[in-house]
Amino acid sequence: MRINGLDCRNAIRTFGTYLCYSHELTSKLCCETCKEVKQPSNVGCEYGDHVDNCKILTPSDCYDLRNRHSCCATCERFKKQNAPAGCEYGDAVGRCDSVRQNPGLCYIPNNQRSCCQTCSQIQNANNPSCAYGDFMPSLCQPYDSNTSGGVRVNCYSPHRRKICCQTCEQIREWASVGMPSDCQYGDKPISFYYPQYGRLTCSNLFQFLDVSECRTNPVVASNCCYTCNRYINNRG
């Protein structure tokens, strides 16, 4: 019995043990050679990979059942130890760099599955309700450059506090120092219209109005609580 011009022993050494899947019983020499390399306990993968092109596989290819069978030994080497179920071979797609740059994409179930390794690496396990930061970063820019740095995100809104969980927590840590309990997120993103001055925000209101507005105007006091507190306490 010869395979590509070689006797069975040399053919198996040259081309690979996968030949034993089809030639194990074709001759005495093949039988003896295959017996030497056989791993009986590894059922279905006794001779390693079933085909010779498994070197072109990437780990994510092993999520395909056919590849796992044909390239059983290669996929076993790719398999990550202690990986959660469904993420044994790391990310399933190659576009996960964009997810790493925008962690909020991991809240989307399909991305969480496809980029399971990346999402696991960037997850904040200590904060499950905000595990990947802001849900919608484009809506969570804290300050608006078009309004003299005025507050842009209204963290007093429960809905906005949820989708901007990371930004709102950062604002709270910064703005709540020395502030009353109803001013934990600083000024509200509101503007006031004055015919003589135009549209003003809390950040530039007192360039045109007296700070006494904080005492006499409840709307200003409530919406500009952070700025009012700083002016009243001479920290403006």
Protein backbone atom coordinates (compact mmCIF):
# COMPACT_ATOMS: atom_id res chain seq x y z
CA MET A 1 0.00 0.00 0.00
CA ARG A 2 1.51 3.31 -1.13
CA ILE A 3 0.18 6.84 -0.67
CA ASN A 4 1.42 9.47 -3.13
CA GLY A 5 4.38 7.24 -3.91
CA LEU A 6 5.32 6.72 -0.26
CA ASP A 7 4.86 3.74 1.98
CA CYS A 8 2.27 4.26 4.70
CA ARG A 9 4.70 5.11 7.50
CA ASN A 10 6.52 7.79 5.52
CA ALA A 11 3.28 9.15 4.07
CA ILE A 12 1.83 9.66 7.55
CA ARG A 13 5.04 11.32 8.72
CA THR A 14 5.10 13.56 5.64
CA PHE A 15 1.45 14.52 5.22
CA GLY A 16 0.02 14.06 8.68
CA THR A 17 -1.75 11.63 10.97
CA TYR A 18 -5.12 12.55 9.46
CA LEU A 19 -4.37 9.87 6.83
CA CYS A 20 -5.07 7.27 9.51
CA TYR A 21 -8.78 8.10 9.42
CA SER A 22 -8.97 6.61 5.93
CA HIS A 23 -5.98 4.23 5.83
CA GLU A 24 -5.83 2.73 9.31
CA LEU A 25 -7.07 -0.66 8.10
CA THR A 26 -5.76 -0.67 4.53
CA SER A 27 -2.49 -2.48 5.27
CA LYS A 28 -0.48 -4.02 8.06
CA LEU A 29 2.08 -1.19 7.94
CA CYS A 30 -0.66 1.45 8.10
CA CYS A 31 -2.27 -0.38 10.99
CA GLU A 32 1.01 -0.50 12.93
CA THR A 33 1.91 3.12 12.17
CA CYS A 34 -1.54 4.46 13.08
CA LYS A 35 -1.62 2.42 16.28
CA GLU A 36 1.54 4.25 17.42
CA VAL A 37 -0.07 7.69 17.14
CA LYS A 38 -3.65 6.84 18.05
CA GLN A 39 -5.23 8.46 21.13
CA PRO A 40 -8.15 6.11 21.87
CA SER A 41 -9.49 8.24 24.71
CA ASN A 42 -9.98 11.20 22.38
CA VAL A 43 -13.07 9.85 20.66
CA GLY A 44 -13.66 11.39 17.24
CA CYS A 45 -10.22 12.99 17.26
CA GLU A 46 -8.04 9.91 17.74
CA TYR A 47 -5.60 11.02 15.04
CA GLY A 48 -5.90 14.77 15.44
CA ASP A 49 -7.32 16.97 12.70
CA HIS A 50 -9.28 15.15 9.98
CA VAL A 51 -7.97 17.37 7.17
CA ASP A 52 -4.65 19.01 6.34
CA ASN A 53 -5.73 22.65 5.95
CA CYS A 54 -6.51 23.46 9.58
CA LYS A 55 -3.49 25.74 9.84
CA ILE A 56 -5.46 28.46 8.06
CA LEU A 57 -8.17 28.44 10.74
CA THR A 58 -8.61 31.32 13.18
CA PRO A 59 -10.07 30.70 16.65
CA SER A 60 -13.45 32.16 15.70
CA ASP A 61 -13.78 29.59 12.89
CA CYS A 62 -14.16 26.95 15.57
CA TYR A 63 -17.65 28.18 16.44
CA ASP A 64 -18.71 26.37 13.25
CA LEU A 65 -19.57 22.76 14.13
CA ARG A 66 -18.12 21.45 10.87
CA ASN A 67 -14.79 23.13 11.53
CA ARG A 68 -14.75 21.81 15.08
CA HIS A 69 -15.15 18.29 13.72
CA SER A 70 -12.73 18.57 10.79
CA CYS A 71 -10.10 20.46 12.80
CA CYS A 72 -10.78 18.91 16.19
CA ALA A 73 -7.19 19.08 17.47
CA THR A 74 -6.61 22.64 16.25
CA CYS A 75 -9.86 23.86 17.78
CA GLU A 76 -9.01 22.16 21.05
CA ARG A 77 -5.74 24.10 21.13
CA PHE A 78 -7.60 27.32 20.38
CA LYS A 79 -10.11 26.69 23.15
CA LYS A 80 -9.68 29.09 26.06
CA GLN A 81 -9.49 27.67 29.55
CA ASN A 82 -12.22 28.76 31.98
CA ALA A 83 -14.00 30.75 29.26
CA PRO A 84 -17.74 31.21 29.77
CA ALA A 85 -20.07 29.05 27.69
CA GLY A 86 -20.41 30.44 24.19
CA CYS A 87 -17.07 32.28 24.32
CA GLU A 88 -14.68 29.33 24.25
CA TYR A 89 -12.85 30.66 21.19
CA GLY A 90 -12.92 34.37 21.96
CA ASP A 91 -14.64 36.98 19.81
CA ALA A 92 -16.67 35.46 17.00
CA VAL A 93 -16.16 38.35 14.55
CA GLY A 94 -13.30 40.63 13.58
CA ARG A 95 -15.03 43.98 14.10
CA CYS A 96 -14.71 44.08 17.88
CA ASP A 97 -12.10 46.86 17.91
CA SER A 98 -14.92 49.32 17.28
CA VAL A 99 -16.77 47.84 20.26
CA ARG A 100 -13.68 48.27 22.44
CA GLN A 101 -13.57 51.94 21.44
CA ASN A 102 -17.29 52.34 22.19
CA PRO A 103 -18.05 50.03 25.16
CA GLY A 104 -21.72 51.02 25.19
CA LEU A 105 -22.19 48.79 22.13
CA CYS A 106 -21.84 45.80 24.47
CA TYR A 107 -25.33 46.53 25.81
CA ILE A 108 -26.65 45.26 22.45
CA PRO A 109 -27.18 41.49 22.92
CA ASN A 110 -25.88 40.60 19.45
CA ASN A 111 -22.65 42.53 20.05
CA GLN A 112 -22.31 40.97 23.48
CA ARG A 113 -22.45 37.52 21.88
CA SER A 114 -20.28 38.28 18.84
CA CYS A 115 -17.67 40.21 20.84
CA CYS A 116 -17.95 38.13 23.99
CA GLN A 117 -14.25 38.31 24.86
CA THR A 118 -13.92 42.05 24.25
CA CYS A 119 -17.09 42.84 26.19
CA SER A 120 -15.91 40.65 29.06
CA GLN A 121 -12.55 42.44 29.17
CA ILE A 122 -14.02 45.96 29.26
CA GLN A 123 -16.90 45.14 31.59
CA ASN A 124 -17.05 46.80 35.01
CA ALA A 125 -18.19 43.83 37.06
CA ASN A 126 -18.45 45.99 40.18
CA ASN A 127 -21.22 48.08 38.63
CA PRO A 128 -23.64 45.71 36.84
CA SER A 129 -26.20 48.45 36.09
CA CYS A 130 -23.54 50.47 34.25
CA ALA A 131 -21.20 47.65 33.24
CA TYR A 132 -20.15 49.21 29.92
CA GLY A 133 -20.46 52.89 30.75
CA ASP A 134 -22.99 55.17 29.09
CA PHE A 135 -25.62 53.39 27.00
CA MET A 136 -25.68 56.17 24.41
CA PRO A 137 -22.48 58.26 24.64
CA SER A 138 -23.63 60.63 21.89
CA LEU A 139 -26.42 61.82 24.20
CA CYS A 140 -24.22 62.04 27.27
CA GLN A 141 -21.75 64.85 26.57
CA PRO A 142 -21.79 66.65 29.93
CA TYR A 143 -21.13 70.19 28.73
CA ASP A 144 -22.16 72.16 25.69
CA SER A 145 -19.43 74.26 24.06
CA ASN A 146 -22.12 76.33 22.33
CA THR A 147 -23.53 77.62 25.62
CA SER A 148 -20.35 78.81 27.34
CA GLY A 149 -19.75 75.41 28.85
CA GLY A 150 -23.28 75.03 30.20
CA VAL A 151 -24.55 71.69 31.44
CA ARG A 152 -25.89 69.61 28.57
CA VAL A 153 -27.14 66.39 30.16
CA ASN A 154 -30.03 66.41 32.64
CA CYS A 155 -29.08 63.78 35.19
CA TYR A 156 -32.11 64.69 37.30
CA SER A 157 -34.20 62.75 34.76
CA PRO A 158 -34.30 59.04 35.76
CA HIS A 159 -34.31 58.02 32.09
CA ARG A 160 -31.28 60.16 31.23
CA ARG A 161 -29.56 59.03 34.42
CA LYS A 162 -29.90 55.44 33.21
CA ILE A 163 -28.65 55.90 29.64
CA CYS A 164 -25.87 58.23 30.84
CA CYS A 165 -25.05 56.22 33.94
CA GLN A 166 -21.29 56.78 33.79
CA THR A 167 -21.40 60.47 32.91
CA CYS A 168 -24.05 61.21 35.54
CA GLU A 169 -22.01 59.48 38.22
CA GLN A 170 -18.95 61.52 37.23
CA ILE A 171 -21.01 64.72 37.38
CA ARG A 172 -22.41 63.73 40.78
CA GLU A 173 -18.94 63.06 42.19
CA TRP A 174 -17.76 66.44 40.98
CA ALA A 175 -20.84 68.62 41.50
CA SER A 176 -22.27 67.29 44.76
CA VAL A 177 -19.40 68.43 47.00
CA GLY A 178 -20.76 71.02 49.39
CA MET A 179 -24.15 71.06 47.65
CA PRO A 180 -27.58 70.32 49.17
CA SER A 181 -29.15 66.92 48.50
CA ASP A 182 -31.43 68.29 45.76
CA CYS A 183 -28.43 69.62 43.81
CA GLN A 184 -26.42 66.42 43.39
CA TYR A 185 -25.98 66.82 39.62
CA GLY A 186 -25.30 70.53 39.45
CA ASP A 187 -27.26 72.99 37.32
CA LYS A 188 -30.01 71.73 35.03
CA PRO A 189 -29.54 72.08 31.25
CA ILE A 190 -32.01 74.92 30.92
CA SER A 191 -31.94 78.33 29.29
CA PHE A 192 -33.76 81.57 30.10
CA TYR A 193 -34.83 84.08 27.51
CA TYR A 194 -34.54 87.80 28.27
CA PRO A 195 -35.48 90.23 25.47
CA GLN A 196 -32.62 92.56 26.34
CA TYR A 197 -29.97 89.81 26.69
CA GLY A 198 -31.20 86.94 24.58
CA ARG A 199 -30.95 83.33 25.70
CA LEU A 200 -28.89 82.73 28.86
CA THR A 201 -27.87 79.59 30.70
CA CYS A 202 -26.89 79.11 34.33
CA SER A 203 -23.22 79.44 33.37
CA ASN A 204 -23.57 82.99 32.02
CA LEU A 205 -26.77 84.22 33.70
CA PHE A 206 -25.01 86.31 36.33
CA GLN A 207 -22.91 88.13 33.82
CA PHE A 208 -26.11 90.06 33.14
CA LEU A 209 -28.27 89.62 36.25
CA ASP A 210 -27.67 90.21 39.93
CA VAL A 211 -27.09 87.18 42.13
CA SER A 212 -30.16 88.24 44.13
CA GLU A 213 -32.13 86.35 41.44
CA CYS A 214 -31.12 83.21 43.32
CA ARG A 215 -33.15 84.39 46.33
CA THR A 216 -36.05 86.09 44.62
CA ASN A 217 -36.65 83.86 41.61
CA PRO A 218 -37.51 80.23 42.57
CA VAL A 219 -37.11 79.07 38.96
CA VAL A 220 -33.54 80.36 38.83
CA ALA A 221 -32.78 79.02 42.32
CA SER A 222 -34.05 75.54 41.45
CA ASN A 223 -32.56 75.16 37.98
CA CYS A 224 -29.26 76.92 38.70
CA CYS A 225 -28.78 75.42 42.15
CA TYR A 226 -25.06 74.76 41.73
CA THR A 227 -24.19 78.22 40.39
CA CYS A 228 -26.46 79.94 42.94
CA ASN A 229 -24.90 78.06 45.83
CA ARG A 230 -21.41 79.02 44.70
CA TYR A 231 -22.30 82.69 44.32
CA ILE A 232 -24.22 82.87 47.58
CA ASN A 233 -21.32 81.23 49.41
CA ASN A 234 -18.78 83.43 47.61
CA ARG A 235 -17.29 80.59 45.57
CA GLY A 236 -18.42 81.86 42.18
